[in-house]
């Protein structure tokens, strides 16, 4: 493959769903996909399809992750989506998804939605001829890791590596220890480099001279001092956090479990390939 051909490869994140007509009012985004969404508390999104039409939808966070709910039923009705059809969601960044629809025979079908003009028609050959990448899309420059996928619902099968991570998670998480879980976003590891901390945990930290300093320790027992500040009504780790990120080679999509083990000391466990249960907690 030539260098020019490699440059044309679209590395934007995708996931798929097989449309289930018994669940018409909402659609769940796979938990593992949340690492690609940089917004901290997403509540709305835009859906596009090859017809050129757009639909505004509401997002809802629950204990199992993220749902597309209000507006989803209108989208699938406008596009006449039938049970068993295959939907491919591409994340364009800035909470916008482009959706391609495949019939049960495996062929991508022409989309004729209520929202498109009478003479407007789209096919796979019309896709993104002049579309540019969004300026701030936080995609991973590497090819995605290979995983075993459940064709029925798009979820991952348990691989040996994930099994180890799951067992580690079950031992790690305990209701007896104050803790919180974060899936790292772009702003947690790049440039501004800070991370929000839940208020209930901050209330258990001791303050000295109007300043809260905590110690973060990694799995090897190494320690870093980090400042915890109040910023626009939110508590956040800032001063010292950037060095912690750098020294531990943290990256967007990693999941961190923070546990209060001593006075103002948090143990941080990092998962670069977290199990789905941990991603749900991070959501």
C-alpha atoms as a PDB file:
ATOM      1  CA  UNK A   1       0.000   0.000   0.000  1.00  0.00           C
ATOM      2  CA  UNK A   2       1.413   3.385  -0.999  1.00  0.00           C
ATOM      3  CA  UNK A   3       2.031   6.258   1.415  1.00  0.00           C
ATOM      4  CA  UNK A   4      -0.719   8.309  -0.253  1.00  0.00           C
ATOM      5  CA  UNK A   5      -3.180   5.454   0.154  1.00  0.00           C
ATOM      6  CA  UNK A   6      -2.350   5.182   3.855  1.00  0.00           C
ATOM      7  CA  UNK A   7      -3.061   8.879   4.323  1.00  0.00           C
ATOM      8  CA  UNK A   8      -6.577   8.365   2.962  1.00  0.00           C
ATOM      9  CA  UNK A   9      -7.489   5.716   5.544  1.00  0.00           C
ATOM     10  CA  UNK A  10     -10.316   7.010   7.731  1.00  0.00           C
ATOM     11  CA  UNK A  11      -9.380   6.228  11.320  1.00  0.00           C
ATOM     12  CA  UNK A  12     -12.423   7.783  12.936  1.00  0.00           C
ATOM     13  CA  UNK A  13     -13.975   5.504  15.546  1.00  0.00           C
ATOM     14  CA  UNK A  14     -16.971   3.347  14.554  1.00  0.00           C
ATOM     15  CA  UNK A  15     -19.369   0.903  16.166  1.00  0.00           C
ATOM     16  CA  UNK A  16     -22.335  -1.057  14.828  1.00  0.00           C
ATOM     17  CA  UNK A  17     -25.790  -2.065  15.984  1.00  0.00           C
ATOM     18  CA  UNK A  18     -28.371  -4.470  14.550  1.00  0.00           C
ATOM     19  CA  UNK A  19     -31.713  -2.708  14.758  1.00  0.00           C
ATOM     20  CA  UNK A  20     -34.121  -4.322  17.198  1.00  0.00           C
ATOM     21  CA  UNK A  21     -37.735  -3.279  16.474  1.00  0.00           C
ATOM     22  CA  UNK A  22     -38.799  -4.210  20.019  1.00  0.00           C
ATOM     23  CA  UNK A  23     -36.599  -1.411  21.409  1.00  0.00           C
ATOM     24  CA  UNK A  24     -37.764   1.612  19.413  1.00  0.00           C
ATOM     25  CA  UNK A  25     -37.283   4.557  21.726  1.00  0.00           C
ATOM     26  CA  UNK A  26     -33.583   4.266  22.579  1.00  0.00           C
ATOM     27  CA  UNK A  27     -30.243   2.870  21.483  1.00  0.00           C
ATOM     28  CA  UNK A  28     -27.290   2.062  23.721  1.00  0.00           C
ATOM     29  CA  UNK A  29     -23.769   3.172  22.792  1.00  0.00           C
ATOM     30  CA  UNK A  30     -21.259   0.379  23.612  1.00  0.00           C
ATOM     31  CA  UNK A  31     -19.441   1.071  26.875  1.00  0.00           C
ATOM     32  CA  UNK A  32     -16.016   0.636  25.264  1.00  0.00           C
ATOM     33  CA  UNK A  33     -16.855   3.359  22.741  1.00  0.00           C
ATOM     34  CA  UNK A  34     -17.116   6.037  25.444  1.00  0.00           C
ATOM     35  CA  UNK A  35     -13.335   6.456  25.451  1.00  0.00           C
ATOM     36  CA  UNK A  36     -13.655   8.164  22.049  1.00  0.00           C
ATOM     37  CA  UNK A  37     -16.062  10.827  23.342  1.00  0.00           C
ATOM     38  CA  UNK A  38     -14.038  13.688  24.824  1.00  0.00           C
ATOM     39  CA  UNK A  39     -16.947  15.622  26.329  1.00  0.00           C
ATOM     40  CA  UNK A  40     -17.149  15.059  30.087  1.00  0.00           C
ATOM     41  CA  UNK A  41     -20.958  15.062  30.501  1.00  0.00           C
ATOM     42  CA  UNK A  42     -22.559  14.693  27.051  1.00  0.00           C
ATOM     43  CA  UNK A  43     -26.309  15.368  27.005  1.00  0.00           C
ATOM     44  CA  UNK A  44     -27.134  15.846  23.317  1.00  0.00           C
ATOM     45  CA  UNK A  45     -25.819  14.788  19.911  1.00  0.00           C
ATOM     46  CA  UNK A  46     -26.456  15.071  16.176  1.00  0.00           C
ATOM     47  CA  UNK A  47     -27.138  12.129  13.860  1.00  0.00           C
ATOM     48  CA  UNK A  48     -26.485  12.302  10.115  1.00  0.00           C
ATOM     49  CA  UNK A  49     -26.993   9.793   7.326  1.00  0.00           C
ATOM     50  CA  UNK A  50     -26.086   9.702   3.653  1.00  0.00           C
ATOM     51  CA  UNK A  51     -29.328  11.436   2.763  1.00  0.00           C
ATOM     52  CA  UNK A  52     -27.769  14.610   4.093  1.00  0.00           C
ATOM     53  CA  UNK A  53     -30.482  14.951   6.721  1.00  0.00           C
ATOM     54  CA  UNK A  54     -29.679  15.690  10.360  1.00  0.00           C
ATOM     55  CA  UNK A  55     -31.480  14.754  13.576  1.00  0.00           C
ATOM     56  CA  UNK A  56     -30.942  16.189  17.040  1.00  0.00           C
ATOM     57  CA  UNK A  57     -31.106  13.632  19.850  1.00  0.00           C
ATOM     58  CA  UNK A  58     -30.756  13.641  23.616  1.00  0.00           C
ATOM     59  CA  UNK A  59     -28.233  11.469  25.455  1.00  0.00           C
ATOM     60  CA  UNK A  60     -28.852   9.860  28.821  1.00  0.00           C
ATOM     61  CA  UNK A  61     -26.268   8.431  31.218  1.00  0.00           C
ATOM     62  CA  UNK A  62     -27.307   5.502  33.405  1.00  0.00           C
ATOM     63  CA  UNK A  63     -25.496   2.852  35.449  1.00  0.00           C
ATOM     64  CA  UNK A  64     -24.778   0.855  32.274  1.00  0.00           C
ATOM     65  CA  UNK A  65     -23.335   3.678  30.171  1.00  0.00           C
ATOM     66  CA  UNK A  66     -24.740   6.046  27.550  1.00  0.00           C
ATOM     67  CA  UNK A  67     -28.073   5.933  25.702  1.00  0.00           C
ATOM     68  CA  UNK A  68     -29.410   7.769  22.669  1.00  0.00           C
ATOM     69  CA  UNK A  69     -33.047   8.252  23.639  1.00  0.00           C
ATOM     70  CA  UNK A  70     -35.169  11.325  22.840  1.00  0.00           C
ATOM     71  CA  UNK A  71     -35.091  11.764  19.053  1.00  0.00           C
ATOM     72  CA  UNK A  72     -33.912   8.226  18.222  1.00  0.00           C
ATOM     73  CA  UNK A  73     -37.412   6.977  17.371  1.00  0.00           C
ATOM     74  CA  UNK A  74     -37.904   9.850  14.901  1.00  0.00           C
ATOM     75  CA  UNK A  75     -34.568   9.046  13.250  1.00  0.00           C
ATOM     76  CA  UNK A  76     -35.353   5.388  12.597  1.00  0.00           C
ATOM     77  CA  UNK A  77     -38.906   6.152  11.475  1.00  0.00           C
ATOM     78  CA  UNK A  78     -37.762   8.887   9.070  1.00  0.00           C
ATOM     79  CA  UNK A  79     -35.243   6.470   7.564  1.00  0.00           C
ATOM     80  CA  UNK A  80     -37.640   3.477   7.502  1.00  0.00           C
ATOM     81  CA  UNK A  81     -35.206   1.232   9.368  1.00  0.00           C
ATOM     82  CA  UNK A  82     -36.441  -2.342   9.647  1.00  0.00           C
ATOM     83  CA  UNK A  83     -35.711  -5.065  12.176  1.00  0.00           C
ATOM     84  CA  UNK A  84     -32.431  -6.875  11.532  1.00  0.00           C
ATOM     85  CA  UNK A  85     -30.871  -4.079   9.480  1.00  0.00           C
ATOM     86  CA  UNK A  86     -27.264  -3.262  10.227  1.00  0.00           C
ATOM     87  CA  UNK A  87     -26.382   0.275  11.361  1.00  0.00           C
ATOM     88  CA  UNK A  88     -22.794   1.525  11.233  1.00  0.00           C
ATOM     89  CA  UNK A  89     -22.121   4.566  13.445  1.00  0.00           C
ATOM     90  CA  UNK A  90     -19.042   6.687  12.703  1.00  0.00           C
ATOM     91  CA  UNK A  91     -18.047   9.271  15.301  1.00  0.00           C
ATOM     92  CA  UNK A  92     -17.160  12.552  13.563  1.00  0.00           C
ATOM     93  CA  UNK A  93     -16.263  14.364  16.787  1.00  0.00           C
ATOM     94  CA  UNK A  94     -18.095  17.161  18.604  1.00  0.00           C
ATOM     95  CA  UNK A  95     -20.949  14.729  19.452  1.00  0.00           C
ATOM     96  CA  UNK A  96     -21.886  14.086  15.826  1.00  0.00           C
ATOM     97  CA  UNK A  97     -22.448  10.593  14.377  1.00  0.00           C
ATOM     98  CA  UNK A  98     -22.790   9.636  10.714  1.00  0.00           C
ATOM     99  CA  UNK A  99     -24.891   6.494  10.262  1.00  0.00           C
ATOM    100  CA  UNK A 100     -24.801   4.099   7.290  1.00  0.00           C
ATOM    101  CA  UNK A 101     -27.644   1.621   6.876  1.00  0.00           C
ATOM    102  CA  UNK A 102     -27.235  -1.906   5.474  1.00  0.00           C
ATOM    103  CA  UNK A 103     -30.131  -4.146   4.494  1.00  0.00           C
ATOM    104  CA  UNK A 104     -30.419  -7.732   5.735  1.00  0.00           C
ATOM    105  CA  UNK A 105     -28.926  -8.911   2.424  1.00  0.00           C
ATOM    106  CA  UNK A 106     -25.651  -7.198   3.406  1.00  0.00           C
ATOM    107  CA  UNK A 107     -25.894  -4.409   0.837  1.00  0.00           C
ATOM    108  CA  UNK A 108     -25.808  -0.753   1.824  1.00  0.00           C
ATOM    109  CA  UNK A 109     -29.158   0.667   0.842  1.00  0.00           C
ATOM    110  CA  UNK A 110     -29.987   4.017  -0.625  1.00  0.00           C
ATOM    111  CA  UNK A 111     -31.421   6.232   2.053  1.00  0.00           C
ATOM    112  CA  UNK A 112     -34.619   8.104   1.271  1.00  0.00           C
ATOM    113  CA  UNK A 113     -35.672   9.765   4.474  1.00  0.00           C
ATOM    114  CA  UNK A 114     -38.534  12.174   5.122  1.00  0.00           C
ATOM    115  CA  UNK A 115     -35.922  14.866   5.708  1.00  0.00           C
ATOM    116  CA  UNK A 116     -34.381  14.732   2.222  1.00  0.00           C
ATOM    117  CA  UNK A 117     -35.416  16.471  -1.006  1.00  0.00           C
ATOM    118  CA  UNK A 118     -37.397  14.508  -3.589  1.00  0.00           C
ATOM    119  CA  UNK A 119     -34.530  14.545  -6.080  1.00  0.00           C
ATOM    120  CA  UNK A 120     -31.851  13.893  -3.463  1.00  0.00           C
ATOM    121  CA  UNK A 121     -30.474  10.372  -3.269  1.00  0.00           C
ATOM    122  CA  UNK A 122     -27.395   8.935  -1.616  1.00  0.00           C
ATOM    123  CA  UNK A 123     -25.292   5.832  -1.938  1.00  0.00           C
ATOM    124  CA  UNK A 124     -21.958   4.589  -0.709  1.00  0.00           C
ATOM    125  CA  UNK A 125     -20.223   6.319  -3.647  1.00  0.00           C
ATOM    126  CA  UNK A 126     -21.384   9.778  -2.468  1.00  0.00           C
ATOM    127  CA  UNK A 127     -19.825   9.489   0.949  1.00  0.00           C
ATOM    128  CA  UNK A 128     -17.473  12.240   2.121  1.00  0.00           C
ATOM    129  CA  UNK A 129     -16.048  13.312  -1.230  1.00  0.00           C
ATOM    130  CA  UNK A 130     -15.370  16.818   0.045  1.00  0.00           C
ATOM    131  CA  UNK A 131     -15.809  16.344   3.789  1.00  0.00           C
ATOM    132  CA  UNK A 132     -12.906  17.432   5.968  1.00  0.00           C
ATOM    133  CA  UNK A 133     -11.959  15.995   9.316  1.00  0.00           C
ATOM    134  CA  UNK A 134     -13.309  18.049  12.252  1.00  0.00           C
ATOM    135  CA  UNK A 135     -10.540  20.329  13.587  1.00  0.00           C
ATOM    136  CA  UNK A 136     -10.551  18.996  17.136  1.00  0.00           C
ATOM    137  CA  UNK A 137     -11.515  15.341  16.735  1.00  0.00           C
ATOM    138  CA  UNK A 138      -9.704  13.341  19.441  1.00  0.00           C
ATOM    139  CA  UNK A 139      -9.077  10.119  17.541  1.00  0.00           C
ATOM    140  CA  UNK A 140      -6.348   7.656  18.312  1.00  0.00           C
ATOM    141  CA  UNK A 141      -3.674   7.783  15.618  1.00  0.00           C
ATOM    142  CA  UNK A 142      -3.011   4.051  15.984  1.00  0.00           C
ATOM    143  CA  UNK A 143      -5.113   1.314  14.438  1.00  0.00           C
ATOM    144  CA  UNK A 144      -7.662  -0.064  16.904  1.00  0.00           C
ATOM    145  CA  UNK A 145      -6.820  -3.227  18.774  1.00  0.00           C
ATOM    146  CA  UNK A 146      -8.401  -6.419  17.482  1.00  0.00           C
ATOM    147  CA  UNK A 147     -11.186  -7.768  19.668  1.00  0.00           C
ATOM    148  CA  UNK A 148     -13.714 -10.577  19.470  1.00  0.00           C
ATOM    149  CA  UNK A 149     -17.122  -9.077  18.715  1.00  0.00           C
ATOM    150  CA  UNK A 150     -20.594 -10.392  19.469  1.00  0.00           C
ATOM    151  CA  UNK A 151     -22.435  -9.977  16.160  1.00  0.00           C
ATOM    152  CA  UNK A 152     -25.823  -9.833  17.882  1.00  0.00           C
ATOM    153  CA  UNK A 153     -25.188  -6.698  19.944  1.00  0.00           C
ATOM    154  CA  UNK A 154     -21.714  -5.404  19.141  1.00  0.00           C
ATOM    155  CA  UNK A 155     -20.247  -6.244  22.567  1.00  0.00           C
ATOM    156  CA  UNK A 156     -16.833  -7.775  23.107  1.00  0.00           C
ATOM    157  CA  UNK A 157     -16.220 -11.363  24.111  1.00  0.00           C
ATOM    158  CA  UNK A 158     -13.975 -11.959  27.099  1.00  0.00           C
ATOM    159  CA  UNK A 159     -10.371 -12.391  25.954  1.00  0.00           C
ATOM    160  CA  UNK A 160      -7.651 -13.731  28.313  1.00  0.00           C
ATOM    161  CA  UNK A 161      -6.328 -10.190  28.795  1.00  0.00           C
ATOM    162  CA  UNK A 162      -9.792  -8.847  29.608  1.00  0.00           C
ATOM    163  CA  UNK A 163     -10.388 -11.745  31.992  1.00  0.00           C
ATOM    164  CA  UNK A 164      -7.284 -10.770  33.969  1.00  0.00           C
ATOM    165  CA  UNK A 165      -8.418  -7.127  33.991  1.00  0.00           C
ATOM    166  CA  UNK A 166     -11.892  -8.159  35.151  1.00  0.00           C
ATOM    167  CA  UNK A 167     -10.487 -10.268  37.985  1.00  0.00           C
ATOM    168  CA  UNK A 168      -8.240  -7.370  39.023  1.00  0.00           C
ATOM    169  CA  UNK A 169     -11.244  -5.031  38.979  1.00  0.00           C
ATOM    170  CA  UNK A 170     -13.332  -7.348  41.164  1.00  0.00           C
ATOM    171  CA  UNK A 171     -10.546  -7.511  43.769  1.00  0.00           C
ATOM    172  CA  UNK A 172      -9.831  -3.782  43.530  1.00  0.00           C
ATOM    173  CA  UNK A 173     -13.308  -2.297  43.845  1.00  0.00           C
ATOM    174  CA  UNK A 174     -14.747  -2.446  47.329  1.00  0.00           C
ATOM    175  CA  UNK A 175     -17.496  -0.368  48.946  1.00  0.00           C
ATOM    176  CA  UNK A 176     -15.380   0.003  52.113  1.00  0.00           C
ATOM    177  CA  UNK A 177     -12.892   2.391  50.458  1.00  0.00           C
ATOM    178  CA  UNK A 178     -13.747   5.919  49.186  1.00  0.00           C
ATOM    179  CA  UNK A 179     -13.005   5.795  45.469  1.00  0.00           C
ATOM    180  CA  UNK A 180     -13.927   7.032  42.021  1.00  0.00           C
ATOM    181  CA  UNK A 181     -13.355   5.845  38.449  1.00  0.00           C
ATOM    182  CA  UNK A 182     -12.451   7.991  35.424  1.00  0.00           C
ATOM    183  CA  UNK A 183     -12.093   7.202  31.726  1.00  0.00           C
ATOM    184  CA  UNK A 184      -9.446   9.713  30.651  1.00  0.00           C
ATOM    185  CA  UNK A 185     -10.477  12.308  28.062  1.00  0.00           C
ATOM    186  CA  UNK A 186      -8.255  14.464  25.883  1.00  0.00           C
ATOM    187  CA  UNK A 187      -8.233  17.401  28.297  1.00  0.00           C
ATOM    188  CA  UNK A 188      -7.158  15.054  31.143  1.00  0.00           C
ATOM    189  CA  UNK A 189      -3.854  14.233  29.434  1.00  0.00           C
ATOM    190  CA  UNK A 190      -3.153  17.039  26.924  1.00  0.00           C
ATOM    191  CA  UNK A 191      -2.460  20.781  27.125  1.00  0.00           C
ATOM    192  CA  UNK A 192      -4.665  22.069  29.972  1.00  0.00           C
ATOM    193  CA  UNK A 193      -4.231  18.686  31.682  1.00  0.00           C
ATOM    194  CA  UNK A 194      -6.558  18.552  34.681  1.00  0.00           C
ATOM    195  CA  UNK A 195      -9.103  16.066  35.983  1.00  0.00           C
ATOM    196  CA  UNK A 196     -12.346  16.632  37.874  1.00  0.00           C
ATOM    197  CA  UNK A 197     -12.673  15.002  41.280  1.00  0.00           C
ATOM    198  CA  UNK A 198     -16.068  14.095  42.795  1.00  0.00           C
ATOM    199  CA  UNK A 199     -17.139  16.407  45.605  1.00  0.00           C
ATOM    200  CA  UNK A 200     -17.896  13.574  48.098  1.00  0.00           C
ATOM    201  CA  UNK A 201     -14.278  12.402  47.920  1.00  0.00           C
ATOM    202  CA  UNK A 202     -12.902  15.941  48.181  1.00  0.00           C
ATOM    203  CA  UNK A 203     -14.888  16.419  51.382  1.00  0.00           C
ATOM    204  CA  UNK A 204     -12.821  13.617  52.943  1.00  0.00           C
ATOM    205  CA  UNK A 205      -9.521  15.358  52.189  1.00  0.00           C
ATOM    206  CA  UNK A 206      -7.733  17.491  54.779  1.00  0.00           C
ATOM    207  CA  UNK A 207      -7.036  21.129  53.930  1.00  0.00           C
ATOM    208  CA  UNK A 208      -3.909  22.997  55.052  1.00  0.00           C
ATOM    209  CA  UNK A 209      -3.439  26.789  54.732  1.00  0.00           C
ATOM    210  CA  UNK A 210      -6.466  27.033  52.401  1.00  0.00           C
ATOM    211  CA  UNK A 211      -4.797  24.572  50.079  1.00  0.00           C
ATOM    212  CA  UNK A 212      -5.461  20.876  49.506  1.00  0.00           C
ATOM    213  CA  UNK A 213      -2.495  18.732  48.516  1.00  0.00           C
ATOM    214  CA  UNK A 214      -2.838  15.031  47.861  1.00  0.00           C
ATOM    215  CA  UNK A 215      -0.363  12.270  47.136  1.00  0.00           C
ATOM    216  CA  UNK A 216      -1.003   9.959  44.189  1.00  0.00           C
ATOM    217  CA  UNK A 217       0.729   6.582  44.237  1.00  0.00           C
ATOM    218  CA  UNK A 218       0.921   4.080  41.395  1.00  0.00           C
ATOM    219  CA  UNK A 219       1.016   0.280  41.460  1.00  0.00           C
ATOM    220  CA  UNK A 220       4.789   0.364  42.027  1.00  0.00           C
ATOM    221  CA  UNK A 221       4.450   2.537  45.133  1.00  0.00           C
ATOM    222  CA  UNK A 222       5.974   5.671  43.536  1.00  0.00           C
ATOM    223  CA  UNK A 223       4.388   8.939  44.679  1.00  0.00           C
ATOM    224  CA  UNK A 224       3.528  12.345  43.223  1.00  0.00           C
ATOM    225  CA  UNK A 225       2.177  15.457  44.979  1.00  0.00           C
ATOM    226  CA  UNK A 226      -0.853  17.031  43.292  1.00  0.00           C
ATOM    227  CA  UNK A 227      -2.907  20.117  44.129  1.00  0.00           C
ATOM    228  CA  UNK A 228      -6.679  19.833  44.414  1.00  0.00           C
ATOM    229  CA  UNK A 229      -8.427  23.120  43.637  1.00  0.00           C
ATOM    230  CA  UNK A 230     -11.961  24.467  43.309  1.00  0.00           C
ATOM    231  CA  UNK A 231     -12.490  25.533  39.673  1.00  0.00           C
ATOM    232  CA  UNK A 232     -15.793  26.975  38.389  1.00  0.00           C
ATOM    233  CA  UNK A 233     -17.699  25.070  41.030  1.00  0.00           C
ATOM    234  CA  UNK A 234     -15.841  21.818  40.389  1.00  0.00           C
ATOM    235  CA  UNK A 235     -12.982  20.231  42.301  1.00  0.00           C
ATOM    236  CA  UNK A 236     -10.022  19.246  40.148  1.00  0.00           C
ATOM    237  CA  UNK A 237      -6.462  17.911  40.283  1.00  0.00           C
ATOM    238  CA  UNK A 238      -4.153  20.312  38.446  1.00  0.00           C
ATOM    239  CA  UNK A 239      -0.664  21.258  39.712  1.00  0.00           C
ATOM    240  CA  UNK A 240       1.362  18.022  39.684  1.00  0.00           C
ATOM    241  CA  UNK A 241      -1.258  16.079  37.725  1.00  0.00           C
ATOM    242  CA  UNK A 242       0.520  16.730  34.421  1.00  0.00           C
ATOM    243  CA  UNK A 243       3.739  15.210  35.776  1.00  0.00           C
ATOM    244  CA  UNK A 244       1.808  12.187  37.031  1.00  0.00           C
ATOM    245  CA  UNK A 245       0.295  11.752  33.554  1.00  0.00           C
ATOM    246  CA  UNK A 246       3.697  12.033  31.884  1.00  0.00           C
ATOM    247  CA  UNK A 247       5.581   9.712  34.248  1.00  0.00           C
ATOM    248  CA  UNK A 248       2.885   7.034  34.085  1.00  0.00           C
ATOM    249  CA  UNK A 249       2.425   7.412  30.306  1.00  0.00           C
ATOM    250  CA  UNK A 250      -1.316   7.904  30.652  1.00  0.00           C
ATOM    251  CA  UNK A 251      -3.300   8.432  27.472  1.00  0.00           C
ATOM    252  CA  UNK A 252      -6.825   9.186  26.348  1.00  0.00           C
ATOM    253  CA  UNK A 253      -9.057   6.144  26.798  1.00  0.00           C
ATOM    254  CA  UNK A 254      -7.202   4.728  29.814  1.00  0.00           C
ATOM    255  CA  UNK A 255      -9.393   4.080  32.852  1.00  0.00           C
ATOM    256  CA  UNK A 256      -8.084   5.087  36.285  1.00  0.00           C
ATOM    257  CA  UNK A 257      -9.404   3.910  39.642  1.00  0.00           C
ATOM    258  CA  UNK A 258      -8.613   6.382  42.465  1.00  0.00           C
ATOM    259  CA  UNK A 259      -8.824   4.986  46.010  1.00  0.00           C
ATOM    260  CA  UNK A 260      -8.322   6.909  49.258  1.00  0.00           C
ATOM    261  CA  UNK A 261      -5.933   4.624  51.179  1.00  0.00           C
ATOM    262  CA  UNK A 262      -4.509   7.084  53.730  1.00  0.00           C
ATOM    263  CA  UNK A 263      -5.038  10.698  54.765  1.00  0.00           C
ATOM    264  CA  UNK A 264      -4.805  12.681  51.502  1.00  0.00           C
ATOM    265  CA  UNK A 265      -3.215   9.715  49.716  1.00  0.00           C
ATOM    266  CA  UNK A 266      -4.856   8.118  46.698  1.00  0.00           C
ATOM    267  CA  UNK A 267      -3.751   4.880  45.083  1.00  0.00           C
ATOM    268  CA  UNK A 268      -4.245   5.023  41.304  1.00  0.00           C
ATOM    269  CA  UNK A 269      -4.750   1.804  39.318  1.00  0.00           C
ATOM    270  CA  UNK A 270      -4.594   2.169  35.529  1.00  0.00           C
ATOM    271  CA  UNK A 271      -6.334  -0.023  32.935  1.00  0.00           C
ATOM    272  CA  UNK A 272      -5.351   0.493  29.284  1.00  0.00           C
ATOM    273  CA  UNK A 273      -7.766  -2.229  28.123  1.00  0.00           C
ATOM    274  CA  UNK A 274     -10.516  -2.054  30.752  1.00  0.00           C
ATOM    275  CA  UNK A 275     -13.407  -4.532  31.088  1.00  0.00           C
ATOM    276  CA  UNK A 276     -16.862  -3.274  30.172  1.00  0.00           C
ATOM    277  CA  UNK A 277     -17.977  -3.243  33.816  1.00  0.00           C
ATOM    278  CA  UNK A 278     -15.256  -0.711  34.655  1.00  0.00           C
ATOM    279  CA  UNK A 279     -16.165   1.505  31.701  1.00  0.00           C
ATOM    280  CA  UNK A 280     -19.763   1.546  32.913  1.00  0.00           C
ATOM    281  CA  UNK A 281     -18.581   2.815  36.292  1.00  0.00           C
ATOM    282  CA  UNK A 282     -16.465   5.462  34.560  1.00  0.00           C
ATOM    283  CA  UNK A 283     -19.521   6.641  32.615  1.00  0.00           C
END
